[in-house]
Amino acid sequence: MDLDAAYATALVAAVLLGIGFVLQQYSAEQEPDSRFLSIKLIADLLRKPRWLAGIGCMIAGQLLQAWAIGHLELSLVEPLLSTYLLFALILAVPMSRQAFRLPEITGALILCTGVALLSVTRSAKPIGLSFGSFTHWPAAAVIAVIAYIAVQIGQTRHGQVRASLTGVGAGLVFGIQDAFTRQTLEVLQTHPWTVLFTRWSAYALVGAGVIGIWLMQNAFSAAPLRASLPAIAACEPLAGIALGIVVFGDRIQISPGMLAIEAGGIAALIVGVIAVARSSAFSGLRTIASHLPGVPETHLVPEKTPGKVHDPASGGAER
């Protein structure tokens, strides 16, 4: 296995994920508040070509992400994938007709530093048959409970708080999905693909993916991208790294120096993610959407105000 190819695949996956997230949010935020946590949200989005293009990019990115997870330690792949924020920013800036600003550039450098520090402390050897012990999977259940609580609290809030809390839930579920992906791929290393019909991890993988995408669309619809993306991008690698260590026994350096580097890497990763994702370019996507051809004015939802529900059928009137 060529490790350079594994690294390159993870970065290409990050590019596709970044593009996919921007295109999805571009469409999802036009939905009214009344669609939050409703199946009608997905039904509406399925009729939007830009959203479908975003889903296509995300699926392609996730397939490449799965391949990378199958050849590198989960705690190494997760930081690499978090760079999708950089590629999302590169796309969002021209789409929102804004310029790069110093805080965003600084955040990008901090994010890259965090990825580099975490990569240094991880083994670059391909993973072997390190099946996660079933007795360790309750760690995923704990993370799922935290995600559920975050979403439930978000349901009682509005605007950016709702988007952020729902984004926390989506990011944590995506981290669990990454762990299920690794478990499923390890099954395939020694068995034909048909055995997946009899393995719980394959069904759990599909379930986590569906729930994660659903929560992400609801987070995107609640507020501009800068409100939800920091939570998604920060929580997914944290959950994935934790499960990589607890469930799969990913190797970590326990010397004081290495522990300090790892702590610094995680801190830099979180700070960089938040700094990049809070770019005004992401919140500017909604404004520019109103000028796109093929987006009727009656389909656009006015800026969402806490405590108020906008109904596009009534011309955007508040009720």
C-alpha atoms as a PDB file:
ATOM      1  CA  MET A   1       0.000   0.000   0.000  1.00  0.00           C
ATOM      2  CA  ASP A   2       1.376   3.387  -1.071  1.00  0.00           C
ATOM      3  CA  LEU A   3       0.989   5.742   1.887  1.00  0.00           C
ATOM      4  CA  ASP A   4       1.359   8.786  -0.373  1.00  0.00           C
ATOM      5  CA  ALA A   5      -1.692   7.581  -2.313  1.00  0.00           C
ATOM      6  CA  ALA A   6      -3.632   7.227   0.945  1.00  0.00           C
ATOM      7  CA  TYR A   7      -2.757  10.787   1.980  1.00  0.00           C
ATOM      8  CA  ALA A   8      -3.630  12.112  -1.496  1.00  0.00           C
ATOM      9  CA  THR A   9      -6.944  10.249  -1.462  1.00  0.00           C
ATOM     10  CA  ALA A  10      -7.873  11.770   1.898  1.00  0.00           C
ATOM     11  CA  LEU A  11      -7.130  15.263   0.580  1.00  0.00           C
ATOM     12  CA  VAL A  12      -9.145  14.715  -2.624  1.00  0.00           C
ATOM     13  CA  ALA A  13     -11.988  13.506  -0.401  1.00  0.00           C
ATOM     14  CA  ALA A  14     -11.666  16.734   1.599  1.00  0.00           C
ATOM     15  CA  VAL A  15     -11.936  18.794  -1.614  1.00  0.00           C
ATOM     16  CA  LEU A  16     -15.145  17.018  -2.654  1.00  0.00           C
ATOM     17  CA  LEU A  17     -16.638  17.254   0.840  1.00  0.00           C
ATOM     18  CA  GLY A  18     -15.917  20.986   1.021  1.00  0.00           C
ATOM     19  CA  ILE A  19     -17.571  21.636  -2.339  1.00  0.00           C
ATOM     20  CA  GLY A  20     -20.501  19.399  -1.442  1.00  0.00           C
ATOM     21  CA  PHE A  21     -21.172  21.127   1.877  1.00  0.00           C
ATOM     22  CA  VAL A  22     -21.186  24.597   0.309  1.00  0.00           C
ATOM     23  CA  LEU A  23     -23.606  23.570  -2.451  1.00  0.00           C
ATOM     24  CA  GLN A  24     -25.926  21.816   0.009  1.00  0.00           C
ATOM     25  CA  GLN A  25     -26.100  24.741   2.414  1.00  0.00           C
ATOM     26  CA  TYR A  26     -26.616  27.061  -0.544  1.00  0.00           C
ATOM     27  CA  SER A  27     -30.003  25.386  -1.057  1.00  0.00           C
ATOM     28  CA  ALA A  28     -30.902  24.248   2.449  1.00  0.00           C
ATOM     29  CA  GLU A  29     -30.951  27.693   4.040  1.00  0.00           C
ATOM     30  CA  GLN A  30     -33.737  28.781   1.709  1.00  0.00           C
ATOM     31  CA  GLU A  31     -36.066  26.420   3.586  1.00  0.00           C
ATOM     32  CA  PRO A  32     -38.443  27.899   6.231  1.00  0.00           C
ATOM     33  CA  ASP A  33     -38.048  27.253   9.952  1.00  0.00           C
ATOM     34  CA  SER A  34     -41.192  25.130   9.899  1.00  0.00           C
ATOM     35  CA  ARG A  35     -39.239  22.439   8.018  1.00  0.00           C
ATOM     36  CA  PHE A  36     -36.750  21.924  10.890  1.00  0.00           C
ATOM     37  CA  LEU A  37     -36.430  18.208  11.762  1.00  0.00           C
ATOM     38  CA  SER A  38     -39.208  17.446   9.262  1.00  0.00           C
ATOM     39  CA  ILE A  39     -39.031  14.945   6.412  1.00  0.00           C
ATOM     40  CA  LYS A  40     -40.507  17.699   4.228  1.00  0.00           C
ATOM     41  CA  LEU A  41     -37.103  19.387   4.313  1.00  0.00           C
ATOM     42  CA  ILE A  42     -35.475  16.520   2.418  1.00  0.00           C
ATOM     43  CA  ALA A  43     -38.491  16.259   0.087  1.00  0.00           C
ATOM     44  CA  ASP A  44     -38.028  19.923  -0.867  1.00  0.00           C
ATOM     45  CA  LEU A  45     -34.276  19.641  -1.293  1.00  0.00           C
ATOM     46  CA  LEU A  46     -34.582  16.616  -3.585  1.00  0.00           C
ATOM     47  CA  ARG A  47     -36.118  18.962  -6.164  1.00  0.00           C
ATOM     48  CA  LYS A  48     -33.147  21.361  -6.140  1.00  0.00           C
ATOM     49  CA  PRO A  49     -30.363  20.644  -8.687  1.00  0.00           C
ATOM     50  CA  ARG A  50     -27.690  22.506  -6.701  1.00  0.00           C
ATOM     51  CA  TRP A  51     -28.454  20.447  -3.603  1.00  0.00           C
ATOM     52  CA  LEU A  52     -28.333  17.233  -5.607  1.00  0.00           C
ATOM     53  CA  ALA A  53     -24.971  18.301  -7.050  1.00  0.00           C
ATOM     54  CA  GLY A  54     -23.744  18.925  -3.503  1.00  0.00           C
ATOM     55  CA  ILE A  55     -24.946  15.491  -2.390  1.00  0.00           C
ATOM     56  CA  GLY A  56     -23.163  13.936  -5.371  1.00  0.00           C
ATOM     57  CA  CYS A  57     -19.880  15.622  -4.418  1.00  0.00           C
ATOM     58  CA  MET A  58     -20.316  14.594  -0.795  1.00  0.00           C
ATOM     59  CA  ILE A  59     -21.007  10.948  -1.679  1.00  0.00           C
ATOM     60  CA  ALA A  60     -17.938  10.846  -3.920  1.00  0.00           C
ATOM     61  CA  GLY A  61     -15.916  12.403  -1.114  1.00  0.00           C
ATOM     62  CA  GLN A  62     -17.224   9.898   1.411  1.00  0.00           C
ATOM     63  CA  LEU A  63     -16.328   6.971  -0.853  1.00  0.00           C
ATOM     64  CA  LEU A  64     -12.757   8.251  -1.105  1.00  0.00           C
ATOM     65  CA  GLN A  65     -12.823   8.953   2.635  1.00  0.00           C
ATOM     66  CA  ALA A  66     -13.835   5.330   3.250  1.00  0.00           C
ATOM     67  CA  TRP A  67     -10.935   4.117   1.141  1.00  0.00           C
ATOM     68  CA  ALA A  68      -8.510   6.286   3.123  1.00  0.00           C
ATOM     69  CA  ILE A  69      -9.985   5.070   6.423  1.00  0.00           C
ATOM     70  CA  GLY A  70      -9.372   1.522   5.238  1.00  0.00           C
ATOM     71  CA  HIS A  71      -5.660   2.176   4.739  1.00  0.00           C
ATOM     72  CA  LEU A  72      -4.703   4.636   7.473  1.00  0.00           C
ATOM     73  CA  GLU A  73      -5.444   4.901  11.175  1.00  0.00           C
ATOM     74  CA  LEU A  74      -8.735   6.656  11.896  1.00  0.00           C
ATOM     75  CA  SER A  75      -7.034   9.111  14.237  1.00  0.00           C
ATOM     76  CA  LEU A  76      -4.767  10.119  11.334  1.00  0.00           C
ATOM     77  CA  VAL A  77      -7.411  10.357   8.609  1.00  0.00           C
ATOM     78  CA  GLU A  78      -9.767  12.558  10.643  1.00  0.00           C
ATOM     79  CA  PRO A  79      -7.426  15.579  10.907  1.00  0.00           C
ATOM     80  CA  LEU A  80      -6.656  15.321   7.182  1.00  0.00           C
ATOM     81  CA  LEU A  81     -10.342  15.332   6.311  1.00  0.00           C
ATOM     82  CA  SER A  82     -10.962  18.437   8.419  1.00  0.00           C
ATOM     83  CA  THR A  83      -9.092  20.406   5.745  1.00  0.00           C
ATOM     84  CA  TYR A  84     -12.316  20.341   3.711  1.00  0.00           C
ATOM     85  CA  LEU A  85     -13.014  23.655   5.433  1.00  0.00           C
ATOM     86  CA  LEU A  86     -10.164  25.241   3.481  1.00  0.00           C
ATOM     87  CA  PHE A  87     -11.569  24.025   0.177  1.00  0.00           C
ATOM     88  CA  ALA A  88     -15.077  25.103   1.171  1.00  0.00           C
ATOM     89  CA  LEU A  89     -13.699  28.580   1.919  1.00  0.00           C
ATOM     90  CA  ILE A  90     -11.894  28.718  -1.426  1.00  0.00           C
ATOM     91  CA  LEU A  91     -15.238  28.044  -3.161  1.00  0.00           C
ATOM     92  CA  ALA A  92     -17.363  30.244  -0.896  1.00  0.00           C
ATOM     93  CA  VAL A  93     -15.232  33.387  -1.285  1.00  0.00           C
ATOM     94  CA  PRO A  94     -15.807  33.882  -5.035  1.00  0.00           C
ATOM     95  CA  MET A  95     -19.422  32.650  -4.783  1.00  0.00           C
ATOM     96  CA  SER A  96     -20.192  35.277  -2.126  1.00  0.00           C
ATOM     97  CA  ARG A  97     -18.178  37.903  -4.018  1.00  0.00           C
ATOM     98  CA  GLN A  98     -15.971  38.650  -1.044  1.00  0.00           C
ATOM     99  CA  ALA A  99     -12.232  38.748  -0.501  1.00  0.00           C
ATOM    100  CA  PHE A 100     -10.026  36.681   1.781  1.00  0.00           C
ATOM    101  CA  ARG A 101      -9.479  38.371   5.134  1.00  0.00           C
ATOM    102  CA  LEU A 102      -6.633  38.137   7.617  1.00  0.00           C
ATOM    103  CA  PRO A 103      -8.611  36.177  10.292  1.00  0.00           C
ATOM    104  CA  GLU A 104      -9.531  33.538   7.710  1.00  0.00           C
ATOM    105  CA  ILE A 105      -5.974  33.219   6.434  1.00  0.00           C
ATOM    106  CA  THR A 106      -4.676  32.999  10.012  1.00  0.00           C
ATOM    107  CA  GLY A 107      -7.290  30.358  10.828  1.00  0.00           C
ATOM    108  CA  ALA A 108      -6.271  28.358   7.768  1.00  0.00           C
ATOM    109  CA  LEU A 109      -2.629  28.392   8.871  1.00  0.00           C
ATOM    110  CA  ILE A 110      -3.598  27.342  12.420  1.00  0.00           C
ATOM    111  CA  LEU A 111      -5.763  24.523  11.034  1.00  0.00           C
ATOM    112  CA  CYS A 112      -2.915  23.244   8.860  1.00  0.00           C
ATOM    113  CA  THR A 113      -0.580  23.432  11.861  1.00  0.00           C
ATOM    114  CA  GLY A 114      -2.990  21.358  13.927  1.00  0.00           C
ATOM    115  CA  VAL A 115      -3.238  18.719  11.190  1.00  0.00           C
ATOM    116  CA  ALA A 116       0.545  18.599  10.910  1.00  0.00           C
ATOM    117  CA  LEU A 117       1.047  18.225  14.676  1.00  0.00           C
ATOM    118  CA  LEU A 118      -1.496  15.414  14.932  1.00  0.00           C
ATOM    119  CA  SER A 119       0.025  13.669  11.931  1.00  0.00           C
ATOM    120  CA  VAL A 120       3.498  13.757  13.465  1.00  0.00           C
ATOM    121  CA  THR A 121       2.319  11.918  16.589  1.00  0.00           C
ATOM    122  CA  ARG A 122       0.534   9.141  14.683  1.00  0.00           C
ATOM    123  CA  SER A 123       1.932   6.006  13.115  1.00  0.00           C
ATOM    124  CA  ALA A 124       1.979   6.226   9.330  1.00  0.00           C
ATOM    125  CA  LYS A 125       1.889   2.462   8.942  1.00  0.00           C
ATOM    126  CA  PRO A 126      -1.131   0.941   7.192  1.00  0.00           C
ATOM    127  CA  ILE A 127      -3.700  -0.491   9.560  1.00  0.00           C
ATOM    128  CA  GLY A 128      -3.941  -4.198   9.983  1.00  0.00           C
ATOM    129  CA  LEU A 129      -6.707  -6.454  11.199  1.00  0.00           C
ATOM    130  CA  SER A 130      -7.308  -4.536  14.396  1.00  0.00           C
ATOM    131  CA  PHE A 131     -10.990  -5.326  14.867  1.00  0.00           C
ATOM    132  CA  GLY A 132     -12.657  -3.126  17.428  1.00  0.00           C
ATOM    133  CA  SER A 133     -13.739  -5.104  20.440  1.00  0.00           C
ATOM    134  CA  PHE A 134     -17.521  -5.163  20.783  1.00  0.00           C
ATOM    135  CA  THR A 135     -17.103  -4.382  24.476  1.00  0.00           C
ATOM    136  CA  HIS A 136     -15.574  -1.027  23.524  1.00  0.00           C
ATOM    137  CA  TRP A 137     -18.426   0.099  21.239  1.00  0.00           C
ATOM    138  CA  PRO A 138     -20.481   1.577  24.112  1.00  0.00           C
ATOM    139  CA  ALA A 139     -18.131   4.545  23.656  1.00  0.00           C
ATOM    140  CA  ALA A 140     -19.993   5.212  20.402  1.00  0.00           C
ATOM    141  CA  ALA A 141     -23.298   5.012  22.270  1.00  0.00           C
ATOM    142  CA  VAL A 142     -22.086   7.655  24.716  1.00  0.00           C
ATOM    143  CA  ILE A 143     -21.187   9.949  21.817  1.00  0.00           C
ATOM    144  CA  ALA A 144     -24.582   9.282  20.224  1.00  0.00           C
ATOM    145  CA  VAL A 145     -26.346  10.269  23.448  1.00  0.00           C
ATOM    146  CA  ILE A 146     -24.402  13.529  23.548  1.00  0.00           C
ATOM    147  CA  ALA A 147     -25.412  14.173  19.931  1.00  0.00           C
ATOM    148  CA  TYR A 148     -29.064  13.481  20.751  1.00  0.00           C
ATOM    149  CA  ILE A 149     -29.025  15.878  23.706  1.00  0.00           C
ATOM    150  CA  ALA A 150     -27.428  18.615  21.581  1.00  0.00           C
ATOM    151  CA  VAL A 151     -30.088  18.242  18.875  1.00  0.00           C
ATOM    152  CA  GLN A 152     -32.942  18.218  21.392  1.00  0.00           C
ATOM    153  CA  ILE A 153     -31.671  21.412  23.026  1.00  0.00           C
ATOM    154  CA  GLY A 154     -31.227  22.946  19.569  1.00  0.00           C
ATOM    155  CA  GLN A 155     -34.842  22.189  18.737  1.00  0.00           C
ATOM    156  CA  THR A 156     -35.916  24.549  21.518  1.00  0.00           C
ATOM    157  CA  ARG A 157     -33.681  27.351  20.230  1.00  0.00           C
ATOM    158  CA  HIS A 158     -33.632  29.409  17.044  1.00  0.00           C
ATOM    159  CA  GLY A 159     -31.202  30.753  14.466  1.00  0.00           C
ATOM    160  CA  GLN A 160     -27.477  30.357  14.993  1.00  0.00           C
ATOM    161  CA  VAL A 161     -27.791  28.535  18.330  1.00  0.00           C
ATOM    162  CA  ARG A 162     -30.069  25.945  16.752  1.00  0.00           C
ATOM    163  CA  ALA A 163     -27.714  25.555  13.785  1.00  0.00           C
ATOM    164  CA  SER A 164     -24.653  25.171  16.016  1.00  0.00           C
ATOM    165  CA  LEU A 165     -26.203  22.594  18.344  1.00  0.00           C
ATOM    166  CA  THR A 166     -27.623  20.586  15.458  1.00  0.00           C
ATOM    167  CA  GLY A 167     -24.198  20.812  13.802  1.00  0.00           C
ATOM    168  CA  VAL A 168     -22.658  19.339  16.964  1.00  0.00           C
ATOM    169  CA  GLY A 169     -25.054  16.405  16.668  1.00  0.00           C
ATOM    170  CA  ALA A 170     -24.301  15.931  12.969  1.00  0.00           C
ATOM    171  CA  GLY A 171     -20.527  16.103  13.494  1.00  0.00           C
ATOM    172  CA  LEU A 172     -20.586  13.560  16.316  1.00  0.00           C
ATOM    173  CA  VAL A 173     -22.737  11.180  14.246  1.00  0.00           C
ATOM    174  CA  PHE A 174     -20.354  11.538  11.298  1.00  0.00           C
ATOM    175  CA  GLY A 175     -17.476  10.623  13.612  1.00  0.00           C
ATOM    176  CA  ILE A 176     -19.368   7.481  14.632  1.00  0.00           C
ATOM    177  CA  GLN A 177     -20.027   6.763  10.952  1.00  0.00           C
ATOM    178  CA  ASP A 178     -16.284   6.917  10.275  1.00  0.00           C
ATOM    179  CA  ALA A 179     -15.700   4.299  12.955  1.00  0.00           C
ATOM    180  CA  PHE A 180     -18.399   2.038  11.472  1.00  0.00           C
ATOM    181  CA  THR A 181     -16.759   2.534   8.077  1.00  0.00           C
ATOM    182  CA  ARG A 182     -13.461   1.240   9.405  1.00  0.00           C
ATOM    183  CA  GLN A 183     -15.151  -1.727  11.081  1.00  0.00           C
ATOM    184  CA  THR A 184     -16.964  -2.608   7.850  1.00  0.00           C
ATOM    185  CA  LEU A 185     -13.843  -2.298   5.709  1.00  0.00           C
ATOM    186  CA  GLU A 186     -11.914  -4.559   8.046  1.00  0.00           C
ATOM    187  CA  VAL A 187     -14.608  -7.202   7.572  1.00  0.00           C
ATOM    188  CA  LEU A 188     -14.136  -6.923   3.815  1.00  0.00           C
ATOM    189  CA  GLN A 189     -10.403  -7.559   4.111  1.00  0.00           C
ATOM    190  CA  THR A 190     -11.018 -11.230   4.878  1.00  0.00           C
ATOM    191  CA  HIS A 191     -14.562 -11.887   3.617  1.00  0.00           C
ATOM    192  CA  PRO A 192     -16.556 -11.433   0.381  1.00  0.00           C
ATOM    193  CA  TRP A 193     -18.827  -8.406   0.233  1.00  0.00           C
ATOM    194  CA  THR A 194     -21.948 -10.560   0.587  1.00  0.00           C
ATOM    195  CA  VAL A 195     -21.052 -11.198   4.227  1.00  0.00           C
ATOM    196  CA  LEU A 196     -22.013  -7.576   4.958  1.00  0.00           C
ATOM    197  CA  PHE A 197     -25.677  -8.587   4.906  1.00  0.00           C
ATOM    198  CA  THR A 198     -25.011 -10.561   8.080  1.00  0.00           C
ATOM    199  CA  ARG A 199     -22.839  -7.991   9.888  1.00  0.00           C
ATOM    200  CA  TRP A 200     -24.268  -5.365  12.238  1.00  0.00           C
ATOM    201  CA  SER A 201     -21.582  -2.830  11.360  1.00  0.00           C
ATOM    202  CA  ALA A 202     -22.809  -2.484   7.761  1.00  0.00           C
ATOM    203  CA  TYR A 203     -26.346  -1.635   8.879  1.00  0.00           C
ATOM    204  CA  ALA A 204     -25.019   0.698  11.562  1.00  0.00           C
ATOM    205  CA  LEU A 205     -22.888   2.439   8.925  1.00  0.00           C
ATOM    206  CA  VAL A 206     -25.892   3.099   6.685  1.00  0.00           C
ATOM    207  CA  GLY A 207     -28.009   4.245   9.634  1.00  0.00           C
ATOM    208  CA  ALA A 208     -25.354   6.638  10.922  1.00  0.00           C
ATOM    209  CA  GLY A 209     -24.854   8.058   7.433  1.00  0.00           C
ATOM    210  CA  VAL A 210     -28.559   8.741   6.923  1.00  0.00           C
ATOM    211  CA  ILE A 211     -28.953  10.342  10.354  1.00  0.00           C
ATOM    212  CA  GLY A 212     -25.807  12.425   9.922  1.00  0.00           C
ATOM    213  CA  ILE A 213     -26.908  13.778   6.533  1.00  0.00           C
ATOM    214  CA  TRP A 214     -30.397  14.531   7.849  1.00  0.00           C
ATOM    215  CA  LEU A 215     -29.063  16.427  10.851  1.00  0.00           C
ATOM    216  CA  MET A 216     -26.587  18.307   8.675  1.00  0.00           C
ATOM    217  CA  GLN A 217     -29.323  19.516   6.307  1.00  0.00           C
ATOM    218  CA  ASN A 218     -31.361  20.727   9.285  1.00  0.00           C
ATOM    219  CA  ALA A 219     -28.312  22.559  10.638  1.00  0.00           C
ATOM    220  CA  PHE A 220     -27.731  24.136   7.213  1.00  0.00           C
ATOM    221  CA  SER A 221     -31.353  25.269   6.993  1.00  0.00           C
ATOM    222  CA  ALA A 222     -31.364  26.936  10.418  1.00  0.00           C
ATOM    223  CA  ALA A 223     -28.753  29.658   9.812  1.00  0.00           C
ATOM    224  CA  PRO A 224     -25.815  30.651   7.561  1.00  0.00           C
ATOM    225  CA  LEU A 225     -23.021  28.144   7.078  1.00  0.00           C
ATOM    226  CA  ARG A 226     -20.721  29.898   9.518  1.00  0.00           C
ATOM    227  CA  ALA A 227     -23.071  28.888  12.362  1.00  0.00           C
ATOM    228  CA  SER A 228     -23.155  25.141  11.694  1.00  0.00           C
ATOM    229  CA  LEU A 229     -19.910  24.304   9.899  1.00  0.00           C
ATOM    230  CA  PRO A 230     -17.555  24.970  12.859  1.00  0.00           C
ATOM    231  CA  ALA A 231     -19.500  22.490  14.992  1.00  0.00           C
ATOM    232  CA  ILE A 232     -19.620  19.815  12.294  1.00  0.00           C
ATOM    233  CA  ALA A 233     -15.977  20.200  11.338  1.00  0.00           C
ATOM    234  CA  ALA A 234     -14.730  20.192  14.941  1.00  0.00           C
ATOM    235  CA  CYS A 235     -16.902  17.406  16.363  1.00  0.00           C
ATOM    236  CA  GLU A 236     -16.405  14.829  13.607  1.00  0.00           C
ATOM    237  CA  PRO A 237     -12.609  14.499  14.019  1.00  0.00           C
ATOM    238  CA  LEU A 238     -12.880  14.601  17.815  1.00  0.00           C
ATOM    239  CA  ALA A 239     -15.396  11.726  17.815  1.00  0.00           C
ATOM    240  CA  GLY A 240     -13.442   9.824  15.178  1.00  0.00           C
ATOM    241  CA  ILE A 241     -10.108  10.190  16.968  1.00  0.00           C
ATOM    242  CA  ALA A 242     -11.681   9.131  20.273  1.00  0.00           C
ATOM    243  CA  LEU A 243     -13.231   6.003  18.765  1.00  0.00           C
ATOM    244  CA  GLY A 244     -10.045   5.227  16.861  1.00  0.00           C
ATOM    245  CA  ILE A 245      -8.148   5.127  20.146  1.00  0.00           C
ATOM    246  CA  VAL A 246     -10.800   3.534  22.385  1.00  0.00           C
ATOM    247  CA  VAL A 247     -12.308   0.989  19.995  1.00  0.00           C
ATOM    248  CA  PHE A 248      -9.518   0.207  17.547  1.00  0.00           C
ATOM    249  CA  GLY A 249      -6.490   0.826  19.710  1.00  0.00           C
ATOM    250  CA  ASP A 250      -4.867   3.410  17.443  1.00  0.00           C
ATOM    251  CA  ARG A 251      -1.380   3.995  18.736  1.00  0.00           C
ATOM    252  CA  ILE A 252      -0.534   7.219  20.544  1.00  0.00           C
ATOM    253  CA  GLN A 253       2.772   8.420  21.901  1.00  0.00           C
ATOM    254  CA  ILE A 254       2.646   8.695  25.685  1.00  0.00           C
ATOM    255  CA  SER A 255       5.887  10.535  26.322  1.00  0.00           C
ATOM    256  CA  PRO A 256       5.436  14.024  27.836  1.00  0.00           C
ATOM    257  CA  GLY A 257       6.734  15.688  24.687  1.00  0.00           C
ATOM    258  CA  MET A 258       4.419  13.754  22.367  1.00  0.00           C
ATOM    259  CA  LEU A 259       1.418  14.314  24.629  1.00  0.00           C
ATOM    260  CA  ALA A 260       2.113  18.043  24.562  1.00  0.00           C
ATOM    261  CA  ILE A 261       2.301  17.984  20.755  1.00  0.00           C
ATOM    262  CA  GLU A 262      -0.967  16.040  20.536  1.00  0.00           C
ATOM    263  CA  ALA A 263      -2.735  18.456  22.887  1.00  0.00           C
ATOM    264  CA  GLY A 264      -1.403  21.390  20.899  1.00  0.00           C
ATOM    265  CA  GLY A 265      -2.501  19.744  17.654  1.00  0.00           C
ATOM    266  CA  ILE A 266      -6.056  19.190  18.881  1.00  0.00           C
ATOM    267  CA  ALA A 267      -6.264  22.754  20.216  1.00  0.00           C
ATOM    268  CA  ALA A 268      -4.930  24.184  16.946  1.00  0.00           C
ATOM    269  CA  LEU A 269      -7.339  22.002  14.962  1.00  0.00           C
ATOM    270  CA  ILE A 270     -10.359  23.294  16.902  1.00  0.00           C
ATOM    271  CA  VAL A 271      -9.244  26.951  16.858  1.00  0.00           C
ATOM    272  CA  GLY A 272      -8.416  26.783  13.131  1.00  0.00           C
ATOM    273  CA  VAL A 273     -11.709  25.098  12.277  1.00  0.00           C
ATOM    274  CA  ILE A 274     -13.729  27.743  14.115  1.00  0.00           C
ATOM    275  CA  ALA A 275     -11.718  30.639  12.659  1.00  0.00           C
ATOM    276  CA  VAL A 276     -12.082  29.407   9.073  1.00  0.00           C
ATOM    277  CA  ALA A 277     -15.711  28.309   9.347  1.00  0.00           C
ATOM    278  CA  ARG A 278     -16.816  31.651  10.778  1.00  0.00           C
ATOM    279  CA  SER A 279     -15.738  33.409   7.610  1.00  0.00           C
ATOM    280  CA  SER A 280     -18.199  36.043   6.415  1.00  0.00           C
ATOM    281  CA  ALA A 281     -17.967  34.397   2.985  1.00  0.00           C
ATOM    282  CA  PHE A 282     -20.071  31.515   4.286  1.00  0.00           C
ATOM    283  CA  SER A 283     -22.818  33.817   5.572  1.00  0.00           C
ATOM    284  CA  GLY A 284     -22.661  35.754   2.297  1.00  0.00           C
ATOM    285  CA  LEU A 285     -23.719  32.706   0.307  1.00  0.00           C
ATOM    286  CA  ARG A 286     -27.356  33.222   1.160  1.00  0.00           C
ATOM    287  CA  THR A 287     -27.356  36.831  -0.008  1.00  0.00           C
ATOM    288  CA  ILE A 288     -25.875  36.035  -3.379  1.00  0.00           C
ATOM    289  CA  ALA A 289     -28.319  33.141  -3.831  1.00  0.00           C
ATOM    290  CA  SER A 290     -31.118  35.640  -4.394  1.00  0.00           C
ATOM    291  CA  HIS A 291     -29.384  36.782  -7.590  1.00  0.00           C
ATOM    292  CA  LEU A 292     -29.006  33.313  -9.072  1.00  0.00           C
ATOM    293  CA  PRO A 293     -30.909  32.435 -12.231  1.00  0.00           C
ATOM    294  CA  GLY A 294     -33.530  29.785 -11.645  1.00  0.00           C
ATOM    295  CA  VAL A 295     -34.219  30.795  -8.027  1.00  0.00           C
ATOM    296  CA  PRO A 296     -37.615  32.533  -8.007  1.00  0.00           C
ATOM    297  CA  GLU A 297     -37.965  35.286  -5.453  1.00  0.00           C
ATOM    298  CA  THR A 298     -40.986  33.541  -3.939  1.00  0.00           C
ATOM    299  CA  HIS A 299     -38.755  30.567  -3.097  1.00  0.00           C
ATOM    300  CA  LEU A 300     -36.364  32.622  -1.034  1.00  0.00           C
ATOM    301  CA  VAL A 301     -36.813  32.748   2.721  1.00  0.00           C
ATOM    302  CA  PRO A 302     -36.188  36.111   4.447  1.00  0.00           C
ATOM    303  CA  GLU A 303     -33.414  36.352   6.991  1.00  0.00           C
ATOM    304  CA  LYS A 304     -34.470  34.144   9.893  1.00  0.00           C
ATOM    305  CA  THR A 305     -35.255  35.893  13.128  1.00  0.00           C
ATOM    306  CA  PRO A 306     -35.322  34.071  16.462  1.00  0.00           C
ATOM    307  CA  GLY A 307     -38.834  33.231  17.579  1.00  0.00           C
ATOM    308  CA  LYS A 308     -40.401  33.900  14.184  1.00  0.00           C
ATOM    309  CA  VAL A 309     -41.406  31.486  11.447  1.00  0.00           C
ATOM    310  CA  HIS A 310     -41.312  32.545   7.838  1.00  0.00           C
ATOM    311  CA  ASP A 311     -43.744  31.118   5.345  1.00  0.00           C
ATOM    312  CA  PRO A 312     -42.617  31.432   1.710  1.00  0.00           C
ATOM    313  CA  ALA A 313     -46.143  30.608   0.551  1.00  0.00           C
ATOM    314  CA  SER A 314     -47.364  33.862   2.080  1.00  0.00           C
ATOM    315  CA  GLY A 315     -44.679  35.950   0.448  1.00  0.00           C
ATOM    316  CA  GLY A 316     -42.280  35.633   3.352  1.00  0.00           C
ATOM    317  CA  ALA A 317     -44.672  36.988   5.927  1.00  0.00           C
ATOM    318  CA  GLU A 318     -43.877  36.278   9.531  1.00  0.00           C
ATOM    319  CA  ARG A 319     -46.330  34.351  11.663  1.00  0.00           C
END
